[in-house]
Amino acid sequence: MSAREHPSANSPRSAAAGISLAEPALAPDGSGAPKVVAEGVLSSVRPDPRSDDGRRPVAWLHIVAPPTFSAPVRARSWCACGYERTAIGRPAVLQLVQAHNHHRAVCPLLTQQEARNAA
């Protein structure tokens, strides 16, 4: 059995095998300078579309209401200042929503942030 030489899968074949290597594309104006990027590709760094406006989430209200009426409704209200309350059952959750709205009106973190935004 004779050993046949196989070209490496990672190396390009030579032009003698009938396949030529890829040539760089010419510039659109026909000059010999190669094109740097494909058409439609932005070559500069664009600003972040989600620019920061200084607002941060501070107070959260999470309500879990299962689709079945017999399942209990649960809720959790918490804030970055340390305020945290939970409730189970529809009447308690409704009270928690009111307490959450009241806390948002008096929370020192939120009132400072609103004062900064107004200035």
PDB file of N, CA and C in Angstrom:
ATOM      1  N   MET A   1       0.837  -1.159   0.000  1.00  0.00           N
ATOM      2  CA  MET A   1       0.000   0.000   0.000  1.00  0.00           C
ATOM      3  C   MET A   1       0.890   1.233   0.000  1.00  0.00           C
ATOM      4  N   SER A   2       0.649   2.125  -0.927  1.00  0.00           N
ATOM      5  CA  SER A   2       1.497   3.310  -1.046  1.00  0.00           C
ATOM      6  C   SER A   2       0.889   4.466  -0.262  1.00  0.00           C
ATOM      7  N   ALA A   3       1.744   5.275   0.301  1.00  0.00           N
ATOM      8  CA  ALA A   3       1.288   6.426   1.072  1.00  0.00           C
ATOM      9  C   ALA A   3       1.014   7.580   0.124  1.00  0.00           C
ATOM     10  N   ARG A   4      -0.233   8.049   0.121  1.00  0.00           N
ATOM     11  CA  ARG A   4      -0.575   9.186  -0.731  1.00  0.00           C
ATOM     12  C   ARG A   4      -0.518  10.460   0.102  1.00  0.00           C
ATOM     13  N   GLU A   5      -0.041  11.473  -0.513  1.00  0.00           N
ATOM     14  CA  GLU A   5       0.028  12.751   0.198  1.00  0.00           C
ATOM     15  C   GLU A   5      -1.306  13.477   0.060  1.00  0.00           C
ATOM     16  N   HIS A   6      -1.885  13.795   1.189  1.00  0.00           N
ATOM     17  CA  HIS A   6      -3.139  14.544   1.192  1.00  0.00           C
ATOM     18  C   HIS A   6      -2.842  15.968   1.653  1.00  0.00           C
ATOM     19  N   PRO A   7      -3.413  16.940   0.963  1.00  0.00           N
ATOM     20  CA  PRO A   7      -3.198  18.313   1.426  1.00  0.00           C
ATOM     21  C   PRO A   7      -3.902  18.524   2.763  1.00  0.00           C
ATOM     22  N   SER A   8      -3.326  19.368   3.569  1.00  0.00           N
ATOM     23  CA  SER A   8      -3.915  19.672   4.868  1.00  0.00           C
ATOM     24  C   SER A   8      -5.251  20.383   4.669  1.00  0.00           C
ATOM     25  N   ALA A   9      -6.220  20.072   5.500  1.00  0.00           N
ATOM     26  CA  ALA A   9      -7.540  20.687   5.371  1.00  0.00           C
ATOM     27  C   ALA A   9      -7.501  22.176   5.706  1.00  0.00           C
ATOM     28  N   ASN A  10      -6.499  22.612   6.458  1.00  0.00           N
ATOM     29  CA  ASN A  10      -6.419  24.005   6.866  1.00  0.00           C
ATOM     30  C   ASN A  10      -5.593  24.860   5.927  1.00  0.00           C
ATOM     31  N   SER A  11      -4.889  24.265   4.986  1.00  0.00           N
ATOM     32  CA  SER A  11      -4.052  25.054   4.096  1.00  0.00           C
ATOM     33  C   SER A  11      -4.710  25.158   2.729  1.00  0.00           C
ATOM     34  N   PRO A  12      -4.588  26.311   2.060  1.00  0.00           N
ATOM     35  CA  PRO A  12      -5.189  26.466   0.738  1.00  0.00           C
ATOM     36  C   PRO A  12      -4.452  25.623  -0.293  1.00  0.00           C
ATOM     37  N   ARG A  13      -5.192  25.211  -1.301  1.00  0.00           N
ATOM     38  CA  ARG A  13      -4.569  24.431  -2.368  1.00  0.00           C
ATOM     39  C   ARG A  13      -3.787  25.356  -3.286  1.00  0.00           C
ATOM     40  N   SER A  14      -2.855  24.828  -3.945  1.00  0.00           N
ATOM     41  CA  SER A  14      -2.030  25.637  -4.843  1.00  0.00           C
ATOM     42  C   SER A  14      -2.792  25.909  -6.131  1.00  0.00           C
ATOM     43  N   ALA A  15      -2.346  26.915  -6.885  1.00  0.00           N
ATOM     44  CA  ALA A  15      -2.977  27.270  -8.147  1.00  0.00           C
ATOM     45  C   ALA A  15      -2.789  26.168  -9.179  1.00  0.00           C
ATOM     46  N   ALA A  16      -1.809  25.310  -8.997  1.00  0.00           N
ATOM     47  CA  ALA A  16      -1.557  24.239  -9.951  1.00  0.00           C
ATOM     48  C   ALA A  16      -2.695  23.227  -9.954  1.00  0.00           C
ATOM     49  N   ALA A  17      -3.452  23.139  -8.900  1.00  0.00           N
ATOM     50  CA  ALA A  17      -4.546  22.186  -8.827  1.00  0.00           C
ATOM     51  C   ALA A  17      -5.795  22.720  -9.523  1.00  0.00           C
ATOM     52  N   GLY A  18      -5.730  23.904 -10.125  1.00  0.00           N
ATOM     53  CA  GLY A  18      -6.862  24.457 -10.839  1.00  0.00           C
ATOM     54  C   GLY A  18      -7.739  25.366  -9.998  1.00  0.00           C
ATOM     55  N   ILE A  19      -7.392  25.565  -8.755  1.00  0.00           N
ATOM     56  CA  ILE A  19      -8.171  26.440  -7.882  1.00  0.00           C
ATOM     57  C   ILE A  19      -7.283  27.606  -7.492  1.00  0.00           C
ATOM     58  N   SER A  20      -7.788  28.814  -7.693  1.00  0.00           N
ATOM     59  CA  SER A  20      -6.980  29.982  -7.346  1.00  0.00           C
ATOM     60  C   SER A  20      -7.419  30.522  -5.993  1.00  0.00           C
ATOM     61  N   LEU A  21      -6.525  31.218  -5.355  1.00  0.00           N
ATOM     62  CA  LEU A  21      -6.815  31.819  -4.061  1.00  0.00           C
ATOM     63  C   LEU A  21      -7.690  33.050  -4.252  1.00  0.00           C
ATOM     64  N   ALA A  22      -8.453  33.413  -3.243  1.00  0.00           N
ATOM     65  CA  ALA A  22      -9.325  34.583  -3.322  1.00  0.00           C
ATOM     66  C   ALA A  22      -8.496  35.845  -3.422  1.00  0.00           C
ATOM     67  N   GLU A  23      -8.955  36.751  -4.243  1.00  0.00           N
ATOM     68  CA  GLU A  23      -8.284  38.033  -4.420  1.00  0.00           C
ATOM     69  C   GLU A  23      -9.081  39.099  -3.674  1.00  0.00           C
ATOM     70  N   PRO A  24      -8.409  40.102  -3.112  1.00  0.00           N
ATOM     71  CA  PRO A  24      -9.155  41.170  -2.452  1.00  0.00           C
ATOM     72  C   PRO A  24      -9.979  41.955  -3.469  1.00  0.00           C
ATOM     73  N   ALA A  25     -11.150  42.415  -3.046  1.00  0.00           N
ATOM     74  CA  ALA A  25     -12.025  43.180  -3.931  1.00  0.00           C
ATOM     75  C   ALA A  25     -11.444  44.555  -4.176  1.00  0.00           C
ATOM     76  N   LEU A  26     -11.702  45.095  -5.360  1.00  0.00           N
ATOM     77  CA  LEU A  26     -11.240  46.435  -5.689  1.00  0.00           C
ATOM     78  C   LEU A  26     -12.179  47.459  -5.066  1.00  0.00           C
ATOM     79  N   ALA A  27     -11.675  48.660  -4.896  1.00  0.00           N
ATOM     80  CA  ALA A  27     -12.484  49.745  -4.357  1.00  0.00           C
ATOM     81  C   ALA A  27     -13.576  50.100  -5.354  1.00  0.00           C
ATOM     82  N   PRO A  28     -14.693  50.699  -4.917  1.00  0.00           N
ATOM     83  CA  PRO A  28     -15.798  51.025  -5.820  1.00  0.00           C
ATOM     84  C   PRO A  28     -15.408  51.965  -6.954  1.00  0.00           C
ATOM     85  N   ASP A  29     -14.406  52.829  -6.740  1.00  0.00           N
ATOM     86  CA  ASP A  29     -14.014  53.755  -7.803  1.00  0.00           C
ATOM     87  C   ASP A  29     -13.094  53.103  -8.831  1.00  0.00           C
ATOM     88  N   GLY A  30     -12.794  51.835  -8.676  1.00  0.00           N
ATOM     89  CA  GLY A  30     -11.985  51.108  -9.647  1.00  0.00           C
ATOM     90  C   GLY A  30     -10.496  51.169  -9.373  1.00  0.00           C
ATOM     91  N   SER A  31     -10.077  51.858  -8.337  1.00  0.00           N
ATOM     92  CA  SER A  31      -8.647  51.933  -8.051  1.00  0.00           C
ATOM     93  C   SER A  31      -8.171  50.595  -7.501  1.00  0.00           C
ATOM     94  N   GLY A  32      -6.902  50.441  -7.413  1.00  0.00           N
ATOM     95  CA  GLY A  32      -6.335  49.179  -6.962  1.00  0.00           C
ATOM     96  C   GLY A  32      -6.377  48.985  -5.460  1.00  0.00           C
ATOM     97  N   ALA A  33      -6.838  49.991  -4.736  1.00  0.00           N
ATOM     98  CA  ALA A  33      -6.900  49.867  -3.281  1.00  0.00           C
ATOM     99  C   ALA A  33      -7.996  48.881  -2.904  1.00  0.00           C
ATOM    100  N   PRO A  34      -7.708  47.948  -2.013  1.00  0.00           N
ATOM    101  CA  PRO A  34      -8.735  46.977  -1.623  1.00  0.00           C
ATOM    102  C   PRO A  34      -9.823  47.628  -0.771  1.00  0.00           C
ATOM    103  N   LYS A  35     -11.012  47.072  -0.854  1.00  0.00           N
ATOM    104  CA  LYS A  35     -12.125  47.518  -0.034  1.00  0.00           C
ATOM    105  C   LYS A  35     -11.856  47.090   1.406  1.00  0.00           C
ATOM    106  N   VAL A  36     -12.126  47.946   2.366  1.00  0.00           N
ATOM    107  CA  VAL A  36     -11.838  47.640   3.761  1.00  0.00           C
ATOM    108  C   VAL A  36     -12.954  46.807   4.378  1.00  0.00           C
ATOM    109  N   VAL A  37     -14.192  47.181   4.163  1.00  0.00           N
ATOM    110  CA  VAL A  37     -15.321  46.460   4.746  1.00  0.00           C
ATOM    111  C   VAL A  37     -16.386  46.247   3.688  1.00  0.00           C
ATOM    112  N   ALA A  38     -17.290  45.354   3.977  1.00  0.00           N
ATOM    113  CA  ALA A  38     -18.396  45.100   3.064  1.00  0.00           C
ATOM    114  C   ALA A  38     -19.364  46.273   3.082  1.00  0.00           C
ATOM    115  N   GLU A  39     -20.139  46.412   2.025  1.00  0.00           N
ATOM    116  CA  GLU A  39     -21.116  47.489   1.967  1.00  0.00           C
ATOM    117  C   GLU A  39     -22.167  47.286   3.052  1.00  0.00           C
ATOM    118  N   GLY A  40     -22.593  48.374   3.655  1.00  0.00           N
ATOM    119  CA  GLY A  40     -23.617  48.297   4.678  1.00  0.00           C
ATOM    120  C   GLY A  40     -23.079  48.037   6.068  1.00  0.00           C
ATOM    121  N   VAL A  41     -21.784  47.797   6.197  1.00  0.00           N
ATOM    122  CA  VAL A  41     -21.195  47.538   7.506  1.00  0.00           C
ATOM    123  C   VAL A  41     -20.642  48.843   8.042  1.00  0.00           C
ATOM    124  N   LEU A  42     -21.080  49.242   9.218  1.00  0.00           N
ATOM    125  CA  LEU A  42     -20.594  50.471   9.820  1.00  0.00           C
ATOM    126  C   LEU A  42     -19.182  50.255  10.342  1.00  0.00           C
ATOM    127  N   SER A  43     -18.285  51.164   9.992  1.00  0.00           N
ATOM    128  CA  SER A  43     -16.902  50.983  10.410  1.00  0.00           C
ATOM    129  C   SER A  43     -16.539  51.855  11.600  1.00  0.00           C
ATOM    130  N   SER A  44     -17.430  52.749  12.013  1.00  0.00           N
ATOM    131  CA  SER A  44     -17.124  53.581  13.169  1.00  0.00           C
ATOM    132  C   SER A  44     -17.929  53.099  14.368  1.00  0.00           C
ATOM    133  N   VAL A  45     -17.490  53.474  15.530  1.00  0.00           N
ATOM    134  CA  VAL A  45     -18.190  53.097  16.753  1.00  0.00           C
ATOM    135  C   VAL A  45     -19.360  54.058  16.931  1.00  0.00           C
ATOM    136  N   ARG A  46     -20.554  53.506  17.013  1.00  0.00           N
ATOM    137  CA  ARG A  46     -21.749  54.328  17.163  1.00  0.00           C
ATOM    138  C   ARG A  46     -22.076  54.482  18.646  1.00  0.00           C
ATOM    139  N   PRO A  47     -22.742  55.568  19.009  1.00  0.00           N
ATOM    140  CA  PRO A  47     -23.123  55.738  20.410  1.00  0.00           C
ATOM    141  C   PRO A  47     -24.138  54.683  20.819  1.00  0.00           C
ATOM    142  N   ASP A  48     -24.136  54.381  22.086  1.00  0.00           N
ATOM    143  CA  ASP A  48     -25.058  53.376  22.620  1.00  0.00           C
ATOM    144  C   ASP A  48     -26.489  53.885  22.472  1.00  0.00           C
ATOM    145  N   PRO A  49     -27.373  53.128  21.780  1.00  0.00           N
ATOM    146  CA  PRO A  49     -28.744  53.615  21.612  1.00  0.00           C
ATOM    147  C   PRO A  49     -29.514  53.678  22.926  1.00  0.00           C
ATOM    148  N   ARG A  50     -29.057  52.959  23.926  1.00  0.00           N
ATOM    149  CA  ARG A  50     -29.694  52.997  25.240  1.00  0.00           C
ATOM    150  C   ARG A  50     -28.900  53.928  26.143  1.00  0.00           C
ATOM    151  N   SER A  51     -28.814  55.191  25.749  1.00  0.00           N
ATOM    152  CA  SER A  51     -28.000  56.122  26.519  1.00  0.00           C
ATOM    153  C   SER A  51     -28.570  56.285  27.925  1.00  0.00           C
ATOM    154  N   ASP A  52     -27.695  56.547  28.857  1.00  0.00           N
ATOM    155  CA  ASP A  52     -28.064  56.636  30.266  1.00  0.00           C
ATOM    156  C   ASP A  52     -28.632  58.020  30.548  1.00  0.00           C
ATOM    157  N   ASP A  53     -29.844  58.068  31.085  1.00  0.00           N
ATOM    158  CA  ASP A  53     -30.452  59.347  31.431  1.00  0.00           C
ATOM    159  C   ASP A  53     -30.429  59.600  32.935  1.00  0.00           C
ATOM    160  N   GLY A  54     -29.719  58.752  33.676  1.00  0.00           N
ATOM    161  CA  GLY A  54     -29.568  58.960  35.107  1.00  0.00           C
ATOM    162  C   GLY A  54     -30.625  58.299  35.965  1.00  0.00           C
ATOM    163  N   ARG A  55     -31.673  57.751  35.347  1.00  0.00           N
ATOM    164  CA  ARG A  55     -32.724  57.106  36.135  1.00  0.00           C
ATOM    165  C   ARG A  55     -32.306  55.685  36.485  1.00  0.00           C
ATOM    166  N   ARG A  56     -32.679  55.254  37.664  1.00  0.00           N
ATOM    167  CA  ARG A  56     -32.387  53.898  38.123  1.00  0.00           C
ATOM    168  C   ARG A  56     -33.634  53.328  38.777  1.00  0.00           C
ATOM    169  N   PRO A  57     -33.910  52.039  38.598  1.00  0.00           N
ATOM    170  CA  PRO A  57     -35.033  51.458  39.337  1.00  0.00           C
ATOM    171  C   PRO A  57     -34.710  51.425  40.826  1.00  0.00           C
ATOM    172  N   VAL A  58     -35.629  51.894  41.628  1.00  0.00           N
ATOM    173  CA  VAL A  58     -35.408  51.969  43.071  1.00  0.00           C
ATOM    174  C   VAL A  58     -36.447  51.146  43.819  1.00  0.00           C
ATOM    175  N   ALA A  59     -37.717  51.265  43.444  1.00  0.00           N
ATOM    176  CA  ALA A  59     -38.802  50.564  44.140  1.00  0.00           C
ATOM    177  C   ALA A  59     -39.494  49.615  43.167  1.00  0.00           C
ATOM    178  N   TRP A  60     -39.722  48.382  43.616  1.00  0.00           N
ATOM    179  CA  TRP A  60     -40.321  47.352  42.764  1.00  0.00           C
ATOM    180  C   TRP A  60     -41.570  46.798  43.427  1.00  0.00           C
ATOM    181  N   LEU A  61     -42.517  46.388  42.581  1.00  0.00           N
ATOM    182  CA  LEU A  61     -43.734  45.728  43.042  1.00  0.00           C
ATOM    183  C   LEU A  61     -43.950  44.527  42.138  1.00  0.00           C
ATOM    184  N   HIS A  62     -43.929  43.335  42.726  1.00  0.00           N
ATOM    185  CA  HIS A  62     -44.096  42.086  41.971  1.00  0.00           C
ATOM    186  C   HIS A  62     -45.368  41.407  42.460  1.00  0.00           C
ATOM    187  N   ILE A  63     -46.317  41.233  41.534  1.00  0.00           N
ATOM    188  CA  ILE A  63     -47.594  40.596  41.877  1.00  0.00           C
ATOM    189  C   ILE A  63     -47.715  39.304  41.088  1.00  0.00           C
ATOM    190  N   VAL A  64     -48.053  38.213  41.780  1.00  0.00           N
ATOM    191  CA  VAL A  64     -48.266  36.912  41.146  1.00  0.00           C
ATOM    192  C   VAL A  64     -49.739  36.572  41.304  1.00  0.00           C
ATOM    193  N   ALA A  65     -50.444  36.523  40.172  1.00  0.00           N
ATOM    194  CA  ALA A  65     -51.875  36.197  40.174  1.00  0.00           C
ATOM    195  C   ALA A  65     -52.088  34.996  39.264  1.00  0.00           C
ATOM    196  N   PRO A  66     -52.130  33.791  39.815  1.00  0.00           N
ATOM    197  CA  PRO A  66     -52.330  32.596  38.994  1.00  0.00           C
ATOM    198  C   PRO A  66     -53.663  32.654  38.247  1.00  0.00           C
ATOM    199  N   PRO A  67     -53.762  31.957  37.109  1.00  0.00           N
ATOM    200  CA  PRO A  67     -54.985  32.033  36.301  1.00  0.00           C
ATOM    201  C   PRO A  67     -56.212  31.398  36.952  1.00  0.00           C
ATOM    202  N   THR A  68     -56.023  30.530  37.919  1.00  0.00           N
ATOM    203  CA  THR A  68     -57.182  29.928  38.585  1.00  0.00           C
ATOM    204  C   THR A  68     -57.611  30.824  39.741  1.00  0.00           C
ATOM    205  N   PHE A  69     -58.928  31.019  39.868  1.00  0.00           N
ATOM    206  CA  PHE A  69     -59.441  31.935  40.886  1.00  0.00           C
ATOM    207  C   PHE A  69     -59.202  31.419  42.298  1.00  0.00           C
ATOM    208  N   SER A  70     -59.109  30.099  42.440  1.00  0.00           N
ATOM    209  CA  SER A  70     -58.938  29.538  43.784  1.00  0.00           C
ATOM    210  C   SER A  70     -57.501  29.664  44.302  1.00  0.00           C
ATOM    211  N   ALA A  71     -56.537  29.894  43.412  1.00  0.00           N
ATOM    212  CA  ALA A  71     -55.137  30.017  43.847  1.00  0.00           C
ATOM    213  C   ALA A  71     -54.928  31.381  44.503  1.00  0.00           C
ATOM    214  N   PRO A  72     -54.137  31.433  45.574  1.00  0.00           N
ATOM    215  CA  PRO A  72     -53.945  32.711  46.269  1.00  0.00           C
ATOM    216  C   PRO A  72     -53.049  33.666  45.472  1.00  0.00           C
ATOM    217  N   VAL A  73     -53.398  34.932  45.534  1.00  0.00           N
ATOM    218  CA  VAL A  73     -52.601  35.990  44.919  1.00  0.00           C
ATOM    219  C   VAL A  73     -51.504  36.366  45.906  1.00  0.00           C
ATOM    220  N   ARG A  74     -50.285  36.561  45.387  1.00  0.00           N
ATOM    221  CA  ARG A  74     -49.150  36.942  46.233  1.00  0.00           C
ATOM    222  C   ARG A  74     -48.511  38.198  45.655  1.00  0.00           C
ATOM    223  N   ALA A  75     -47.890  38.977  46.516  1.00  0.00           N
ATOM    224  CA  ALA A  75     -47.207  40.181  46.056  1.00  0.00           C
ATOM    225  C   ALA A  75     -46.030  40.478  46.969  1.00  0.00           C
ATOM    226  N   ARG A  76     -45.057  41.170  46.392  1.00  0.00           N
ATOM    227  CA  ARG A  76     -43.873  41.589  47.144  1.00  0.00           C
ATOM    228  C   ARG A  76     -43.517  43.001  46.703  1.00  0.00           C
ATOM    229  N   SER A  77     -43.292  43.861  47.653  1.00  0.00           N
ATOM    230  CA  SER A  77     -42.880  45.236  47.392  1.00  0.00           C
ATOM    231  C   SER A  77     -41.549  45.449  48.093  1.00  0.00           C
ATOM    232  N   TRP A  78     -40.567  45.958  47.369  1.00  0.00           N
ATOM    233  CA  TRP A  78     -39.276  46.221  47.995  1.00  0.00           C
ATOM    234  C   TRP A  78     -38.614  47.412  47.339  1.00  0.00           C
ATOM    235  N   CYS A  79     -37.706  48.010  48.092  1.00  0.00           N
ATOM    236  CA  CYS A  79     -37.061  49.246  47.664  1.00  0.00           C
ATOM    237  C   CYS A  79     -35.576  49.177  48.011  1.00  0.00           C
ATOM    238  N   ALA A  80     -34.783  49.953  47.310  1.00  0.00           N
ATOM    239  CA  ALA A  80     -33.344  49.990  47.565  1.00  0.00           C
ATOM    240  C   ALA A  80     -33.017  50.606  48.921  1.00  0.00           C
ATOM    241  N   CYS A  81     -33.955  51.328  49.519  1.00  0.00           N
ATOM    242  CA  CYS A  81     -33.706  51.943  50.828  1.00  0.00           C
ATOM    243  C   CYS A  81     -33.849  50.943  51.969  1.00  0.00           C
ATOM    244  N   GLY A  82     -34.337  49.737  51.685  1.00  0.00           N
ATOM    245  CA  GLY A  82     -34.496  48.723  52.714  1.00  0.00           C
ATOM    246  C   GLY A  82     -35.940  48.356  52.992  1.00  0.00           C
ATOM    247  N   TYR A  83     -36.878  49.086  52.443  1.00  0.00           N
ATOM    248  CA  TYR A  83     -38.308  48.794  52.611  1.00  0.00           C
ATOM    249  C   TYR A  83     -38.629  47.477  51.912  1.00  0.00           C
ATOM    250  N   GLU A  84     -39.291  46.560  52.621  1.00  0.00           N
ATOM    251  CA  GLU A  84     -39.693  45.289  52.018  1.00  0.00           C
ATOM    252  C   GLU A  84     -40.935  44.772  52.721  1.00  0.00           C
ATOM    253  N   ARG A  85     -41.973  44.472  51.933  1.00  0.00           N
ATOM    254  CA  ARG A  85     -43.221  43.937  52.455  1.00  0.00           C
ATOM    255  C   ARG A  85     -43.708  42.837  51.523  1.00  0.00           C
ATOM    256  N   THR A  86     -44.422  41.850  52.080  1.00  0.00           N
ATOM    257  CA  THR A  86     -45.044  40.795  51.284  1.00  0.00           C
ATOM    258  C   THR A  86     -46.498  40.664  51.710  1.00  0.00           C
ATOM    259  N   ALA A  87     -47.311  40.109  50.807  1.00  0.00           N
ATOM    260  CA  ALA A  87     -48.727  39.910  51.111  1.00  0.00           C
ATOM    261  C   ALA A  87     -49.226  38.682  50.380  1.00  0.00           C
ATOM    262  N   ILE A  88     -50.154  37.964  51.021  1.00  0.00           N
ATOM    263  CA  ILE A  88     -50.783  36.786  50.422  1.00  0.00           C
ATOM    264  C   ILE A  88     -52.288  36.961  50.566  1.00  0.00           C
ATOM    265  N   GLY A  89     -53.012  36.784  49.470  1.00  0.00           N
ATOM    266  CA  GLY A  89     -54.462  36.962  49.469  1.00  0.00           C
ATOM    267  C   GLY A  89     -54.846  38.282  48.824  1.00  0.00           C
ATOM    268  N   ARG A  90     -55.985  38.292  48.165  1.00  0.00           N
ATOM    269  CA  ARG A  90     -56.413  39.462  47.403  1.00  0.00           C
ATOM    270  C   ARG A  90     -56.533  40.734  48.246  1.00  0.00           C
ATOM    271  N   PRO A  91     -57.202  40.724  49.395  1.00  0.00           N
ATOM    272  CA  PRO A  91     -57.306  41.968  50.181  1.00  0.00           C
ATOM    273  C   PRO A  91     -55.939  42.477  50.651  1.00  0.00           C
ATOM    274  N   ALA A  92     -55.079  41.568  51.071  1.00  0.00           N
ATOM    275  CA  ALA A  92     -53.753  41.981  51.543  1.00  0.00           C
ATOM    276  C   ALA A  92     -52.911  42.541  50.399  1.00  0.00           C
ATOM    277  N   VAL A  93     -53.047  41.962  49.205  1.00  0.00           N
ATOM    278  CA  VAL A  93     -52.286  42.452  48.049  1.00  0.00           C
ATOM    279  C   VAL A  93     -52.763  43.850  47.666  1.00  0.00           C
ATOM    280  N   LEU A  94     -54.069  44.091  47.710  1.00  0.00           N
ATOM    281  CA  LEU A  94     -54.581  45.430  47.404  1.00  0.00           C
ATOM    282  C   LEU A  94     -54.051  46.460  48.400  1.00  0.00           C
ATOM    283  N   GLN A  95     -53.964  46.097  49.673  1.00  0.00           N
ATOM    284  CA  GLN A  95     -53.389  47.000  50.677  1.00  0.00           C
ATOM    285  C   GLN A  95     -51.899  47.223  50.419  1.00  0.00           C
ATOM    286  N   LEU A  96     -51.208  46.161  49.991  1.00  0.00           N
ATOM    287  CA  LEU A  96     -49.779  46.296  49.701  1.00  0.00           C
ATOM    288  C   LEU A  96     -49.549  47.239  48.524  1.00  0.00           C
ATOM    289  N   VAL A  97     -50.397  47.191  47.526  1.00  0.00           N
ATOM    290  CA  VAL A  97     -50.267  48.106  46.387  1.00  0.00           C
ATOM    291  C   VAL A  97     -50.414  49.548  46.862  1.00  0.00           C
ATOM    292  N   GLN A  98     -51.372  49.813  47.740  1.00  0.00           N
ATOM    293  CA  GLN A  98     -51.534  51.162  48.285  1.00  0.00           C
ATOM    294  C   GLN A  98     -50.315  51.569  49.113  1.00  0.00           C
ATOM    295  N   ALA A  99     -49.799  50.645  49.922  1.00  0.00           N
ATOM    296  CA  ALA A  99     -48.614  50.940  50.733  1.00  0.00           C
ATOM    297  C   ALA A  99     -47.397  51.194  49.842  1.00  0.00           C
ATOM    298  N   HIS A 100     -47.293  50.457  48.762  1.00  0.00           N
ATOM    299  CA  HIS A 100     -46.176  50.643  47.825  1.00  0.00           C
ATOM    300  C   HIS A 100     -46.251  52.037  47.196  1.00  0.00           C
ATOM    301  N   ASN A 101     -47.447  52.434  46.761  1.00  0.00           N
ATOM    302  CA  ASN A 101     -47.603  53.769  46.173  1.00  0.00           C
ATOM    303  C   ASN A 101     -47.297  54.861  47.192  1.00  0.00           C
ATOM    304  N   HIS A 102     -47.707  54.664  48.439  1.00  0.00           N
ATOM    305  CA  HIS A 102     -47.396  55.638  49.490  1.00  0.00           C
ATOM    306  C   HIS A 102     -45.886  55.703  49.727  1.00  0.00           C
ATOM    307  N   HIS A 103     -45.235  54.551  49.768  1.00  0.00           N
ATOM    308  CA  HIS A 103     -43.788  54.539  49.989  1.00  0.00           C
ATOM    309  C   HIS A 103     -43.056  55.276  48.869  1.00  0.00           C
ATOM    310  N   ARG A 104     -43.519  55.101  47.651  1.00  0.00           N
ATOM    311  CA  ARG A 104     -42.876  55.796  46.532  1.00  0.00           C
ATOM    312  C   ARG A 104     -42.986  57.307  46.683  1.00  0.00           C
ATOM    313  N   ALA A 105     -44.041  57.770  47.333  1.00  0.00           N
ATOM    314  CA  ALA A 105     -44.218  59.209  47.539  1.00  0.00           C
ATOM    315  C   ALA A 105     -43.318  59.750  48.642  1.00  0.00           C
ATOM    316  N   VAL A 106     -42.941  58.900  49.610  1.00  0.00           N
ATOM    317  CA  VAL A 106     -42.166  59.392  50.750  1.00  0.00           C
ATOM    318  C   VAL A 106     -40.749  58.822  50.827  1.00  0.00           C
ATOM    319  N   CYS A 107     -40.368  57.924  49.952  1.00  0.00           N
ATOM    320  CA  CYS A 107     -39.040  57.295  50.013  1.00  0.00           C
ATOM    321  C   CYS A 107     -37.948  58.342  49.812  1.00  0.00           C
ATOM    322  N   PRO A 108     -36.935  58.370  50.678  1.00  0.00           N
ATOM    323  CA  PRO A 108     -35.872  59.367  50.535  1.00  0.00           C
ATOM    324  C   PRO A 108     -35.063  59.189  49.248  1.00  0.00           C
ATOM    325  N   LEU A 109     -34.918  57.973  48.789  1.00  0.00           N
ATOM    326  CA  LEU A 109     -34.166  57.764  47.551  1.00  0.00           C
ATOM    327  C   LEU A 109     -34.920  58.318  46.346  1.00  0.00           C
ATOM    328  N   LEU A 110     -36.220  58.121  46.309  1.00  0.00           N
ATOM    329  CA  LEU A 110     -37.010  58.604  45.176  1.00  0.00           C
ATOM    330  C   LEU A 110     -37.202  60.111  45.213  1.00  0.00           C
ATOM    331  N   THR A 111     -37.392  60.688  46.391  1.00  0.00           N
ATOM    332  CA  THR A 111     -37.593  62.135  46.457  1.00  0.00           C
ATOM    333  C   THR A 111     -36.308  62.869  46.099  1.00  0.00           C
ATOM    334  N   GLN A 112     -35.143  62.334  46.449  1.00  0.00           N
ATOM    335  CA  GLN A 112     -33.873  62.941  46.052  1.00  0.00           C
ATOM    336  C   GLN A 112     -33.699  62.872  44.544  1.00  0.00           C
ATOM    337  N   GLN A 113     -34.042  61.732  43.953  1.00  0.00           N
ATOM    338  CA  GLN A 113     -33.873  61.554  42.515  1.00  0.00           C
ATOM    339  C   GLN A 113     -34.808  62.484  41.744  1.00  0.00           C
ATOM    340  N   GLU A 114     -36.059  62.635  42.199  1.00  0.00           N
ATOM    341  CA  GLU A 114     -37.001  63.525  41.530  1.00  0.00           C
ATOM    342  C   GLU A 114     -36.554  64.976  41.652  1.00  0.00           C
ATOM    343  N   ALA A 115     -35.966  65.347  42.793  1.00  0.00           N
ATOM    344  CA  ALA A 115     -35.479  66.715  42.969  1.00  0.00           C
ATOM    345  C   ALA A 115     -34.321  66.996  42.014  1.00  0.00           C
ATOM    346  N   ARG A 116     -33.448  66.009  41.817  1.00  0.00           N
ATOM    347  CA  ARG A 116     -32.336  66.168  40.877  1.00  0.00           C
ATOM    348  C   ARG A 116     -32.845  66.307  39.445  1.00  0.00           C
ATOM    349  N   ASN A 117     -33.853  65.512  39.078  1.00  0.00           N
ATOM    350  CA  ASN A 117     -34.386  65.573  37.720  1.00  0.00           C
ATOM    351  C   ASN A 117     -35.098  66.897  37.460  1.00  0.00           C
ATOM    352  N   ALA A 118     -35.709  67.483  38.480  1.00  0.00           N
ATOM    353  CA  ALA A 118     -36.410  68.748  38.309  1.00  0.00           C
ATOM    354  C   ALA A 118     -35.438  69.911  38.153  1.00  0.00           C
ATOM    355  N   ALA A 119     -34.257  69.803  38.705  1.00  0.00           N
ATOM    356  CA  ALA A 119     -33.284  70.900  38.659  1.00  0.00           C
ATOM    357  C   ALA A 119     -32.642  71.075  37.317  1.00  0.00           C
TER     358      ALA A 119
END
